[in-house]
PDB file of N, CA and C in Angstrom:
ATOM      1  N   GLY A   1      98.654  61.512  78.673  1.00  0.00           N
ATOM      2  CA  GLY A   1      97.911  61.522  77.165  1.00  0.00           C
ATOM      3  C   GLY A   1      98.713  60.185  77.080  1.00  0.00           C
ATOM      4  N   CYS A   2      99.147  59.942  76.950  1.00  0.00           N
ATOM      5  CA  CYS A   2      99.954  58.442  76.138  1.00  0.00           C
ATOM      6  C   CYS A   2      99.491  57.242  75.964  1.00  0.00           C
ATOM      7  N   SER A   3      98.817  56.493  77.285  1.00  0.00           N
ATOM      8  CA  SER A   3      97.958  55.617  77.582  1.00  0.00           C
ATOM      9  C   SER A   3      96.775  55.356  77.065  1.00  0.00           C
ATOM     10  N   ASP A   4      96.175  54.143  76.676  1.00  0.00           N
ATOM     11  CA  ASP A   4      94.945  53.451  76.008  1.00  0.00           C
ATOM     12  C   ASP A   4      94.003  54.625  76.497  1.00  0.00           C
ATOM     13  N   SER A   5      94.104  54.376  77.947  1.00  0.00           N
ATOM     14  CA  SER A   5      93.020  54.629  78.594  1.00  0.00           C
ATOM     15  C   SER A   5      92.713  56.788  79.176  1.00  0.00           C
ATOM     16  N   ASP A   6      93.678  57.336  78.573  1.00  0.00           N
ATOM     17  CA  ASP A   6      94.221  58.518  79.033  1.00  0.00           C
ATOM     18  C   ASP A   6      93.261  59.252  77.843  1.00  0.00           C
ATOM     19  N   GLY A   7      92.372  60.324  77.892  1.00  0.00           N
ATOM     20  CA  GLY A   7      92.393  60.887  76.833  1.00  0.00           C
ATOM     21  C   GLY A   7      92.343  62.117  76.821  1.00  0.00           C
ATOM     22  N   LEU A   8      93.451  62.908  77.587  1.00  0.00           N
ATOM     23  CA  LEU A   8      93.718  64.599  77.548  1.00  0.00           C
ATOM     24  C   LEU A   8      95.122  64.530  78.186  1.00  0.00           C
ATOM     25  N   ASP A   9      95.722  66.050  77.458  1.00  0.00           N
ATOM     26  CA  ASP A   9      97.330  66.439  77.744  1.00  0.00           C
ATOM     27  C   ASP A   9      96.507  67.520  77.759  1.00  0.00           C
ATOM     28  N   MET A  10      97.383  68.384  79.563  1.00  0.00           N
ATOM     29  CA  MET A  10      97.093  69.454  80.083  1.00  0.00           C
ATOM     30  C   MET A  10      98.136  70.219  80.569  1.00  0.00           C
ATOM     31  N   TYR A  11      98.100  71.783  80.456  1.00  0.00           N
ATOM     32  CA  TYR A  11      99.050  72.290  80.637  1.00  0.00           C
ATOM     33  C   TYR A  11      98.169  73.242  81.937  1.00  0.00           C
ATOM     34  N   GLY A  12      99.125  73.456  83.030  1.00  0.00           N
ATOM     35  CA  GLY A  12      99.238  74.637  84.636  1.00  0.00           C
ATOM     36  C   GLY A  12      99.890  75.116  84.694  1.00  0.00           C
ATOM     37  N   LEU A  13      99.899  75.772  85.480  1.00  0.00           N
ATOM     38  CA  LEU A  13     100.700  76.590  86.213  1.00  0.00           C
ATOM     39  C   LEU A  13     100.422  76.870  87.879  1.00  0.00           C
ATOM     40  N   ASP A  14     101.397  76.993  88.061  1.00  0.00           N
ATOM     41  CA  ASP A  14     101.028  76.945  90.221  1.00  0.00           C
ATOM     42  C   ASP A  14     100.436  75.479  90.111  1.00  0.00           C
ATOM     43  N   GLY A  15      99.913  74.974  89.790  1.00  0.00           N
ATOM     44  CA  GLY A  15      99.394  73.617  90.140  1.00  0.00           C
ATOM     45  C   GLY A  15      97.771  73.617  89.631  1.00  0.00           C
ATOM     46  N   GLU A  16      97.598  74.751  88.980  1.00  0.00           N
ATOM     47  CA  GLU A  16      96.185  74.680  88.410  1.00  0.00           C
ATOM     48  C   GLU A  16      95.970  74.461  86.890  1.00  0.00           C
ATOM     49  N   GLU A  17      95.374  73.636  86.422  1.00  0.00           N
ATOM     50  CA  GLU A  17      95.015  73.788  85.130  1.00  0.00           C
ATOM     51  C   GLU A  17      94.811  75.118  84.504  1.00  0.00           C
ATOM     52  N   MET A  18      95.081  75.366  83.444  1.00  0.00           N
ATOM     53  CA  MET A  18      95.033  76.542  82.422  1.00  0.00           C
ATOM     54  C   MET A  18      94.414  75.818  80.947  1.00  0.00           C
ATOM     55  N   TRP A  19      94.852  74.938  80.449  1.00  0.00           N
ATOM     56  CA  TRP A  19      94.259  74.574  79.555  1.00  0.00           C
ATOM     57  C   TRP A  19      94.401  72.958  79.128  1.00  0.00           C
ATOM     58  N   TYR A  20      93.441  72.023  78.440  1.00  0.00           N
ATOM     59  CA  TYR A  20      93.525  70.959  78.698  1.00  0.00           C
ATOM     60  C   TYR A  20      93.348  70.343  76.993  1.00  0.00           C
ATOM     61  N   ALA A  21      94.345  69.361  76.347  1.00  0.00           N
ATOM     62  CA  ALA A  21      93.376  68.883  75.086  1.00  0.00           C
ATOM     63  C   ALA A  21      92.778  67.891  75.168  1.00  0.00           C
ATOM     64  N   ASP A  22      91.329  67.522  74.947  1.00  0.00           N
ATOM     65  CA  ASP A  22      90.496  66.676  75.294  1.00  0.00           C
ATOM     66  C   ASP A  22      90.788  65.755  73.506  1.00  0.00           C
ATOM     67  N   PHE A  23      91.378  64.662  73.955  1.00  0.00           N
ATOM     68  CA  PHE A  23      91.696  63.836  72.639  1.00  0.00           C
ATOM     69  C   PHE A  23      90.128  62.850  72.615  1.00  0.00           C
ATOM     70  N   ASN A  24      89.149  63.163  73.008  1.00  0.00           N
ATOM     71  CA  ASN A  24      88.071  62.579  72.826  1.00  0.00           C
ATOM     72  C   ASN A  24      87.697  63.001  72.051  1.00  0.00           C
ATOM     73  N   LYS A  25      87.061  64.578  72.264  1.00  0.00           N
ATOM     74  CA  LYS A  25      86.443  65.558  71.368  1.00  0.00           C
ATOM     75  C   LYS A  25      87.129  65.699  70.433  1.00  0.00           C
ATOM     76  N   GLY A  26      88.247  65.847  70.408  1.00  0.00           N
ATOM     77  CA  GLY A  26      89.220  66.210  69.383  1.00  0.00           C
ATOM     78  C   GLY A  26      89.020  67.840  69.092  1.00  0.00           C
ATOM     79  N   GLU A  27      89.458  68.023  70.615  1.00  0.00           N
ATOM     80  CA  GLU A  27      89.679  69.738  70.927  1.00  0.00           C
ATOM     81  C   GLU A  27      90.547  70.101  71.896  1.00  0.00           C
ATOM     82  N   GLY A  28      90.523  71.623  71.908  1.00  0.00           N
ATOM     83  CA  GLY A  28      92.049  72.180  73.461  1.00  0.00           C
ATOM     84  C   GLY A  28      90.126  73.204  73.980  1.00  0.00           C
ATOM     85  N   VAL A  29      90.685  73.088  75.082  1.00  0.00           N
ATOM     86  CA  VAL A  29      89.737  73.410  76.060  1.00  0.00           C
ATOM     87  C   VAL A  29      90.643  73.908  77.524  1.00  0.00           C
ATOM     88  N   VAL A  30      90.399  75.713  77.398  1.00  0.00           N
ATOM     89  CA  VAL A  30      90.483  76.796  78.084  1.00  0.00           C
ATOM     90  C   VAL A  30      89.782  76.367  79.872  1.00  0.00           C
ATOM     91  N   ALA A  31      90.868  76.256  80.166  1.00  0.00           N
ATOM     92  CA  ALA A  31      89.939  75.676  81.430  1.00  0.00           C
ATOM     93  C   ALA A  31      90.207  77.245  82.579  1.00  0.00           C
ATOM     94  N   LEU A  32      89.847  78.111  82.686  1.00  0.00           N
ATOM     95  CA  LEU A  32      90.327  78.882  83.307  1.00  0.00           C
ATOM     96  C   LEU A  32      88.520  79.287  84.132  1.00  0.00           C
ATOM     97  N   PRO A  33      89.046  80.593  85.185  1.00  0.00           N
ATOM     98  CA  PRO A  33      87.146  80.694  85.166  1.00  0.00           C
ATOM     99  C   PRO A  33      86.939  81.653  84.808  1.00  0.00           C
ATOM    100  N   PRO A  34      85.922  82.337  84.789  1.00  0.00           N
ATOM    101  CA  PRO A  34      85.359  83.641  83.659  1.00  0.00           C
ATOM    102  C   PRO A  34      85.836  84.416  84.211  1.00  0.00           C
ATOM    103  N   PHE A  35      86.088  84.975  85.211  1.00  0.00           N
ATOM    104  CA  PHE A  35      86.601  86.123  85.495  1.00  0.00           C
ATOM    105  C   PHE A  35      88.711  86.526  85.370  1.00  0.00           C
ATOM    106  N   ALA A  36      88.830  85.453  84.835  1.00  0.00           N
ATOM    107  CA  ALA A  36      90.362  85.566  84.321  1.00  0.00           C
ATOM    108  C   ALA A  36      90.304  86.357  82.772  1.00  0.00           C
ATOM    109  N   ASP A  37      91.804  86.376  82.386  1.00  0.00           N
ATOM    110  CA  ASP A  37      91.922  86.982  81.488  1.00  0.00           C
ATOM    111  C   ASP A  37      91.909  86.448  80.656  1.00  0.00           C
ATOM    112  N   PRO A  38      91.084  86.520  79.828  1.00  0.00           N
ATOM    113  CA  PRO A  38      91.168  85.121  78.298  1.00  0.00           C
ATOM    114  C   PRO A  38      92.578  85.199  77.326  1.00  0.00           C
ATOM    115  N   PHE A  39      92.470  83.930  77.092  1.00  0.00           N
ATOM    116  CA  PHE A  39      93.906  84.149  76.317  1.00  0.00           C
ATOM    117  C   PHE A  39      94.133  82.419  75.470  1.00  0.00           C
ATOM    118  N   THR A  40      94.707  82.519  74.171  1.00  0.00           N
ATOM    119  CA  THR A  40      94.520  81.207  73.336  1.00  0.00           C
ATOM    120  C   THR A  40      96.004  80.987  73.544  1.00  0.00           C
ATOM    121  N   PHE A  41      95.186  79.436  72.474  1.00  0.00           N
ATOM    122  CA  PHE A  41      97.293  78.660  72.887  1.00  0.00           C
ATOM    123  C   PHE A  41      96.987  78.167  71.203  1.00  0.00           C
ATOM    124  N   PRO A  42      97.450  78.886  70.660  1.00  0.00           N
ATOM    125  CA  PRO A  42      97.076  78.509  68.654  1.00  0.00           C
ATOM    126  C   PRO A  42      98.898  77.889  68.459  1.00  0.00           C
ATOM    127  N   GLY A  43      97.876  76.624  68.326  1.00  0.00           N
ATOM    128  CA  GLY A  43      98.918  74.942  67.680  1.00  0.00           C
ATOM    129  C   GLY A  43      98.791  74.981  68.566  1.00  0.00           C
ATOM    130  N   PHE A  44      98.089  74.798  69.514  1.00  0.00           N
ATOM    131  CA  PHE A  44      98.686  73.101  70.861  1.00  0.00           C
ATOM    132  C   PHE A  44      98.194  72.729  71.203  1.00  0.00           C
ATOM    133  N   TYR A  45      96.826  71.862  70.073  1.00  0.00           N
ATOM    134  CA  TYR A  45      95.947  71.116  70.674  1.00  0.00           C
ATOM    135  C   TYR A  45      96.585  69.836  69.379  1.00  0.00           C
ATOM    136  N   GLU A  46      97.076  70.786  67.769  1.00  0.00           N
ATOM    137  CA  GLU A  46      97.604  69.976  67.183  1.00  0.00           C
ATOM    138  C   GLU A  46      99.290  69.462  67.913  1.00  0.00           C
ATOM    139  N   GLY A  47      99.826  70.234  68.257  1.00  0.00           N
ATOM    140  CA  GLY A  47     101.091  69.797  69.374  1.00  0.00           C
ATOM    141  C   GLY A  47     100.990  68.803  70.505  1.00  0.00           C
ATOM    142  N   ALA A  48      99.899  69.106  71.091  1.00  0.00           N
ATOM    143  CA  ALA A  48      99.727  67.571  72.319  1.00  0.00           C
ATOM    144  C   ALA A  48      99.238  66.347  71.613  1.00  0.00           C
ATOM    145  N   VAL A  49      98.418  66.423  69.859  1.00  0.00           N
ATOM    146  CA  VAL A  49      98.542  65.405  69.038  1.00  0.00           C
ATOM    147  C   VAL A  49      99.621  64.658  68.371  1.00  0.00           C
ATOM    148  N   GLY A  50     100.787  65.607  68.362  1.00  0.00           N
ATOM    149  CA  GLY A  50     102.076  64.354  67.774  1.00  0.00           C
ATOM    150  C   GLY A  50     102.962  64.411  69.143  1.00  0.00           C
ATOM    151  N   ASN A  51     102.406  65.221  70.326  1.00  0.00           N
ATOM    152  CA  ASN A  51     103.461  64.509  71.513  1.00  0.00           C
ATOM    153  C   ASN A  51     102.649  63.073  71.691  1.00  0.00           C
ATOM    154  N   GLN A  52     101.776  63.204  71.726  1.00  0.00           N
ATOM    155  CA  GLN A  52     100.763  62.179  71.830  1.00  0.00           C
ATOM    156  C   GLN A  52     100.895  60.829  71.284  1.00  0.00           C
ATOM    157  N   GLY A  53     101.890  60.894  69.989  1.00  0.00           N
ATOM    158  CA  GLY A  53     102.137  59.870  68.563  1.00  0.00           C
ATOM    159  C   GLY A  53     103.123  59.347  69.616  1.00  0.00           C
ATOM    160  N   VAL A  54     104.538  60.717  69.965  1.00  0.00           N
ATOM    161  CA  VAL A  54     105.728  60.163  69.752  1.00  0.00           C
ATOM    162  C   VAL A  54     105.867  59.321  71.465  1.00  0.00           C
ATOM    163  N   CYS A  55     104.656  59.907  71.854  1.00  0.00           N
ATOM    164  CA  CYS A  55     104.896  59.216  73.167  1.00  0.00           C
ATOM    165  C   CYS A  55     104.584  57.335  73.603  1.00  0.00           C
ATOM    166  N   LYS A  56     103.524  57.484  72.249  1.00  0.00           N
ATOM    167  CA  LYS A  56     102.934  56.056  72.094  1.00  0.00           C
ATOM    168  C   LYS A  56     104.441  55.768  71.734  1.00  0.00           C
ATOM    169  N   ALA A  57     105.059  55.918  70.476  1.00  0.00           N
ATOM    170  CA  ALA A  57     106.106  54.743  70.163  1.00  0.00           C
ATOM    171  C   ALA A  57     107.418  54.711  71.234  1.00  0.00           C
ATOM    172  N   ASN A  58     107.687  55.665  71.929  1.00  0.00           N
ATOM    173  CA  ASN A  58     108.387  55.295  72.748  1.00  0.00           C
ATOM    174  C   ASN A  58     108.007  55.019  74.089  1.00  0.00           C
ATOM    175  N   LEU A  59     106.301  54.042  74.706  1.00  0.00           N
ATOM    176  CA  LEU A  59     106.000  53.687  75.347  1.00  0.00           C
ATOM    177  C   LEU A  59     106.386  52.102  74.457  1.00  0.00           C
ATOM    178  N   ALA A  60     105.410  52.012  73.551  1.00  0.00           N
ATOM    179  CA  ALA A  60     105.696  50.774  72.810  1.00  0.00           C
ATOM    180  C   ALA A  60     107.221  50.564  72.784  1.00  0.00           C
ATOM    181  N   THR A  61     108.031  51.249  72.225  1.00  0.00           N
ATOM    182  CA  THR A  61     109.721  50.736  72.288  1.00  0.00           C
ATOM    183  C   THR A  61     109.971  50.490  73.431  1.00  0.00           C
ATOM    184  N   TYR A  62     109.852  50.842  74.940  1.00  0.00           N
ATOM    185  CA  TYR A  62     110.050  50.845  75.922  1.00  0.00           C
ATOM    186  C   TYR A  62     109.852  49.690  76.134  1.00  0.00           C
ATOM    187  N   ILE A  63     108.701  48.684  76.022  1.00  0.00           N
ATOM    188  CA  ILE A  63     108.171  47.664  76.642  1.00  0.00           C
ATOM    189  C   ILE A  63     108.621  46.241  75.774  1.00  0.00           C
ATOM    190  N   LYS A  64     109.147  46.718  74.904  1.00  0.00           N
ATOM    191  CA  LYS A  64     110.000  46.131  73.969  1.00  0.00           C
ATOM    192  C   LYS A  64     111.195  45.733  74.903  1.00  0.00           C
ATOM    193  N   ALA A  65     111.567  46.909  74.801  1.00  0.00           N
ATOM    194  CA  ALA A  65     113.158  46.595  74.989  1.00  0.00           C
ATOM    195  C   ALA A  65     113.253  46.360  76.586  1.00  0.00           C
ATOM    196  N   TYR A  66     112.288  46.527  77.507  1.00  0.00           N
ATOM    197  CA  TYR A  66     112.228  46.238  78.950  1.00  0.00           C
ATOM    198  C   TYR A  66     111.531  44.975  79.551  1.00  0.00           C
ATOM    199  N   LYS A  67     110.939  44.170  78.118  1.00  0.00           N
ATOM    200  CA  LYS A  67     109.964  43.019  78.045  1.00  0.00           C
ATOM    201  C   LYS A  67     108.862  42.954  79.006  1.00  0.00           C
ATOM    202  N   ASN A  68     108.631  44.826  78.885  1.00  0.00           N
ATOM    203  CA  ASN A  68     106.614  44.724  79.377  1.00  0.00           C
ATOM    204  C   ASN A  68     107.386  44.701  81.170  1.00  0.00           C
ATOM    205  N   PRO A  69     108.254  45.611  81.852  1.00  0.00           N
ATOM    206  CA  PRO A  69     108.047  45.449  83.813  1.00  0.00           C
ATOM    207  C   PRO A  69     106.530  45.803  84.090  1.00  0.00           C
ATOM    208  N   GLU A  70     106.908  44.998  84.926  1.00  0.00           N
ATOM    209  CA  GLU A  70     105.500  45.600  85.620  1.00  0.00           C
ATOM    210  C   GLU A  70     105.909  46.086  86.225  1.00  0.00           C
ATOM    211  N   GLU A  71     104.724  47.631  86.834  1.00  0.00           N
ATOM    212  CA  GLU A  71     104.942  48.519  87.069  1.00  0.00           C
ATOM    213  C   GLU A  71     105.027  49.295  88.099  1.00  0.00           C
TER     214      GLU A  71
END
């Protein structure tokens, strides 16, 4: 969720998506199937928003420090 084109931050277990923050919609989404035990992630969306800000600030610093190297 760090680039301008990405719009989510995902949490998973054993390669399966459990929850994601959808920044385009402004909400956290539980991605478990209906038969799974329900659970909540209080504060995860707000934390994902904060992490996105840190990531973008770090990315800008790295681009400047490394003079925007090729991928």
